[in-house]
Amino acid sequence: MDRYQLRNFLDREGISRNAYAFGRPGRDEQSVLSPIEGGWTVYYWERGLKTSVKEFETEDEACRYLFDILVRDPTARC
């Protein structure tokens, strides 16, 4: 899975696009998927701080992890 497929899956699940970002956070209280040297990272962005940082070797692993986080979070739904 890549970012584009992930976005389609999240849209189908009714996940708000405000709940996540790709690359850099666009607002507070977002889960973020971002490329890093040698892989990918997923973290939660709130008040200028990264928390719950997790790194992955592949985009697929990172996307699947972010998908799982967001579909389990009732506040992420539209």
N, C-alpha and C. Protein backbone atom coordinates (compact mmCIF):
# COMPACT_ATOMS: atom_id res chain seq x y z
N MET A 1 0.85 -1.17 0.00
CA MET A 1 0.00 0.00 0.00
C MET A 1 0.90 1.24 0.00
N ASP A 2 0.47 2.26 -0.72
CA ASP A 2 1.19 3.52 -0.69
C ASP A 2 0.25 4.62 -0.17
N ARG A 3 0.76 5.85 -0.07
CA ARG A 3 -0.03 6.96 0.48
C ARG A 3 -1.32 7.20 -0.27
N TYR A 4 -1.29 7.04 -1.57
CA TYR A 4 -2.46 7.31 -2.39
C TYR A 4 -3.54 6.26 -2.17
N GLN A 5 -3.12 5.01 -2.08
CA GLN A 5 -4.06 3.93 -1.77
C GLN A 5 -4.61 4.11 -0.36
N LEU A 6 -3.72 4.48 0.56
CA LEU A 6 -4.15 4.69 1.95
C LEU A 6 -5.23 5.76 2.02
N ARG A 7 -5.03 6.88 1.34
CA ARG A 7 -6.03 7.95 1.35
C ARG A 7 -7.39 7.42 0.86
N ASN A 8 -7.39 6.62 -0.20
CA ASN A 8 -8.64 6.06 -0.71
C ASN A 8 -9.31 5.16 0.32
N PHE A 9 -8.52 4.31 0.98
CA PHE A 9 -9.06 3.42 2.00
C PHE A 9 -9.64 4.22 3.17
N LEU A 10 -8.92 5.26 3.59
CA LEU A 10 -9.39 6.08 4.71
C LEU A 10 -10.66 6.83 4.35
N ASP A 11 -10.74 7.32 3.12
CA ASP A 11 -11.98 7.98 2.67
C ASP A 11 -13.15 7.02 2.73
N ARG A 12 -12.95 5.81 2.27
CA ARG A 12 -14.02 4.79 2.30
C ARG A 12 -14.45 4.44 3.72
N GLU A 13 -13.52 4.54 4.66
CA GLU A 13 -13.82 4.24 6.06
C GLU A 13 -14.44 5.43 6.79
N GLY A 14 -14.54 6.56 6.12
CA GLY A 14 -15.12 7.75 6.74
C GLY A 14 -14.18 8.47 7.68
N ILE A 15 -12.87 8.34 7.45
CA ILE A 15 -11.88 9.01 8.29
C ILE A 15 -11.69 10.44 7.77
N SER A 16 -11.78 11.40 8.66
CA SER A 16 -11.62 12.81 8.31
C SER A 16 -10.20 13.06 7.81
N ARG A 17 -10.07 13.84 6.76
CA ARG A 17 -8.73 14.19 6.26
C ARG A 17 -8.02 15.13 7.23
N ASN A 18 -8.73 15.71 8.18
CA ASN A 18 -8.10 16.53 9.22
C ASN A 18 -7.42 15.69 10.29
N ALA A 19 -7.69 14.39 10.31
CA ALA A 19 -7.13 13.51 11.33
C ALA A 19 -5.71 13.06 11.01
N TYR A 20 -5.28 13.28 9.76
CA TYR A 20 -3.95 12.79 9.37
C TYR A 20 -3.33 13.72 8.33
N ALA A 21 -2.03 13.53 8.14
CA ALA A 21 -1.30 14.30 7.13
C ALA A 21 -0.19 13.44 6.56
N PHE A 22 0.20 13.76 5.35
CA PHE A 22 1.34 13.11 4.71
C PHE A 22 2.44 14.15 4.56
N GLY A 23 3.64 13.78 4.94
CA GLY A 23 4.78 14.69 4.82
C GLY A 23 5.01 15.47 6.09
N ARG A 24 4.24 16.56 6.25
CA ARG A 24 4.34 17.40 7.44
C ARG A 24 2.95 17.67 7.98
N PRO A 25 2.84 17.88 9.28
CA PRO A 25 1.52 18.16 9.84
C PRO A 25 0.99 19.49 9.34
N GLY A 26 -0.30 19.54 9.12
CA GLY A 26 -0.93 20.77 8.68
C GLY A 26 -1.67 21.46 9.80
N ARG A 27 -1.82 20.77 10.91
CA ARG A 27 -2.54 21.30 12.06
C ARG A 27 -2.21 20.46 13.28
N ASP A 28 -2.65 20.90 14.44
CA ASP A 28 -2.46 20.11 15.65
C ASP A 28 -3.40 18.90 15.65
N GLU A 29 -3.03 17.95 16.48
CA GLU A 29 -3.80 16.73 16.70
C GLU A 29 -4.01 15.95 15.41
N GLN A 30 -2.88 15.61 14.77
CA GLN A 30 -2.89 14.81 13.56
C GLN A 30 -1.89 13.67 13.67
N SER A 31 -2.26 12.56 13.07
CA SER A 31 -1.30 11.48 12.85
C SER A 31 -0.62 11.78 11.52
N VAL A 32 0.69 11.61 11.48
CA VAL A 32 1.47 12.02 10.30
C VAL A 32 2.29 10.85 9.78
N LEU A 33 2.25 10.67 8.48
CA LEU A 33 3.08 9.71 7.76
C LEU A 33 4.11 10.50 7.00
N SER A 34 5.38 10.21 7.24
CA SER A 34 6.43 11.03 6.65
C SER A 34 7.63 10.18 6.23
N PRO A 35 8.20 10.48 5.05
CA PRO A 35 9.42 9.76 4.66
C PRO A 35 10.60 10.28 5.48
N ILE A 36 11.49 9.38 5.82
CA ILE A 36 12.73 9.72 6.51
C ILE A 36 13.85 8.99 5.79
N GLU A 37 15.07 9.34 6.09
CA GLU A 37 16.19 8.66 5.47
C GLU A 37 16.15 7.17 5.82
N GLY A 38 16.08 6.36 4.81
CA GLY A 38 16.08 4.92 5.01
C GLY A 38 14.74 4.31 5.35
N GLY A 39 13.66 5.09 5.28
CA GLY A 39 12.37 4.50 5.59
C GLY A 39 11.25 5.52 5.74
N TRP A 40 10.37 5.20 6.67
CA TRP A 40 9.17 6.00 6.90
C TRP A 40 8.92 6.11 8.39
N THR A 41 8.23 7.16 8.79
CA THR A 41 7.86 7.32 10.19
C THR A 41 6.38 7.70 10.29
N VAL A 42 5.78 7.27 11.37
CA VAL A 42 4.41 7.66 11.70
C VAL A 42 4.48 8.21 13.12
N TYR A 43 3.87 9.37 13.31
CA TYR A 43 3.86 9.98 14.64
C TYR A 43 2.60 10.79 14.84
N TYR A 44 2.36 11.18 16.08
CA TYR A 44 1.22 12.03 16.41
C TYR A 44 1.76 13.43 16.69
N TRP A 45 1.13 14.43 16.10
CA TRP A 45 1.57 15.82 16.21
C TRP A 45 0.56 16.60 17.04
N GLU A 46 1.02 17.16 18.14
CA GLU A 46 0.14 17.97 18.99
C GLU A 46 0.96 19.05 19.68
N ARG A 47 0.50 20.28 19.54
CA ARG A 47 1.15 21.44 20.16
C ARG A 47 2.64 21.52 19.84
N GLY A 48 2.96 21.25 18.60
CA GLY A 48 4.35 21.36 18.16
C GLY A 48 5.26 20.22 18.57
N LEU A 49 4.69 19.16 19.13
CA LEU A 49 5.50 18.03 19.59
C LEU A 49 5.12 16.74 18.88
N LYS A 50 6.13 15.95 18.56
CA LYS A 50 5.93 14.61 18.01
C LYS A 50 5.85 13.63 19.17
N THR A 51 4.84 12.81 19.17
CA THR A 51 4.74 11.73 20.16
C THR A 51 4.39 10.44 19.44
N SER A 52 4.50 9.35 20.14
CA SER A 52 4.19 8.03 19.60
C SER A 52 4.90 7.78 18.26
N VAL A 53 6.17 8.13 18.21
CA VAL A 53 6.95 8.00 16.98
C VAL A 53 7.30 6.53 16.73
N LYS A 54 7.04 6.10 15.52
CA LYS A 54 7.35 4.72 15.13
C LYS A 54 7.97 4.77 13.73
N GLU A 55 9.05 4.03 13.52
CA GLU A 55 9.74 4.02 12.24
C GLU A 55 9.56 2.68 11.54
N PHE A 56 9.54 2.73 10.20
CA PHE A 56 9.31 1.55 9.37
C PHE A 56 10.29 1.55 8.21
N GLU A 57 10.59 0.38 7.72
CA GLU A 57 11.49 0.26 6.57
C GLU A 57 10.79 0.58 5.27
N THR A 58 9.49 0.24 5.18
CA THR A 58 8.78 0.43 3.92
C THR A 58 7.56 1.33 4.09
N GLU A 59 7.17 1.94 2.98
CA GLU A 59 5.95 2.75 2.96
C GLU A 59 4.73 1.89 3.26
N ASP A 60 4.72 0.67 2.74
CA ASP A 60 3.60 -0.24 2.97
C ASP A 60 3.39 -0.49 4.46
N GLU A 61 4.45 -0.79 5.19
CA GLU A 61 4.33 -1.05 6.64
C GLU A 61 3.80 0.19 7.36
N ALA A 62 4.33 1.34 7.01
CA ALA A 62 3.92 2.59 7.66
C ALA A 62 2.45 2.89 7.36
N CYS A 63 2.03 2.70 6.13
CA CYS A 63 0.64 2.96 5.75
C CYS A 63 -0.32 2.02 6.48
N ARG A 64 0.04 0.76 6.56
CA ARG A 64 -0.83 -0.20 7.25
C ARG A 64 -0.94 0.14 8.74
N TYR A 65 0.14 0.56 9.33
CA TYR A 65 0.14 0.95 10.73
C TYR A 65 -0.76 2.18 10.93
N LEU A 66 -0.61 3.19 10.09
CA LEU A 66 -1.43 4.39 10.21
C LEU A 66 -2.90 4.06 9.97
N PHE A 67 -3.19 3.22 9.01
CA PHE A 67 -4.57 2.81 8.76
C PHE A 67 -5.18 2.20 10.02
N ASP A 68 -4.46 1.28 10.64
CA ASP A 68 -4.96 0.63 11.86
C ASP A 68 -5.22 1.64 12.98
N ILE A 69 -4.31 2.58 13.14
CA ILE A 69 -4.48 3.60 14.19
C ILE A 69 -5.75 4.40 13.94
N LEU A 70 -5.92 4.86 12.72
CA LEU A 70 -7.02 5.76 12.42
C LEU A 70 -8.39 5.08 12.45
N VAL A 71 -8.49 3.85 11.96
CA VAL A 71 -9.81 3.19 11.96
C VAL A 71 -10.24 2.80 13.37
N ARG A 72 -9.29 2.67 14.29
CA ARG A 72 -9.63 2.35 15.68
C ARG A 72 -9.95 3.60 16.52
N ASP A 73 -9.66 4.77 15.98
CA ASP A 73 -9.85 6.02 16.71
C ASP A 73 -11.21 6.63 16.36
N PRO A 74 -12.17 6.56 17.27
CA PRO A 74 -13.50 7.10 16.96
C PRO A 74 -13.51 8.60 16.71
N THR A 75 -12.52 9.32 17.20
CA THR A 75 -12.48 10.77 16.99
C THR A 75 -11.98 11.12 15.59
N ALA A 76 -11.46 10.15 14.85
CA ALA A 76 -10.92 10.41 13.51
C ALA A 76 -12.00 10.38 12.43
N ARG A 77 -13.17 9.95 12.79
CA ARG A 77 -14.25 9.83 11.78
C ARG A 77 -14.91 11.17 11.51
N CYS A 78 -15.40 11.28 10.28
CA CYS A 78 -16.09 12.52 9.85
C CYS A 78 -17.37 12.74 10.65
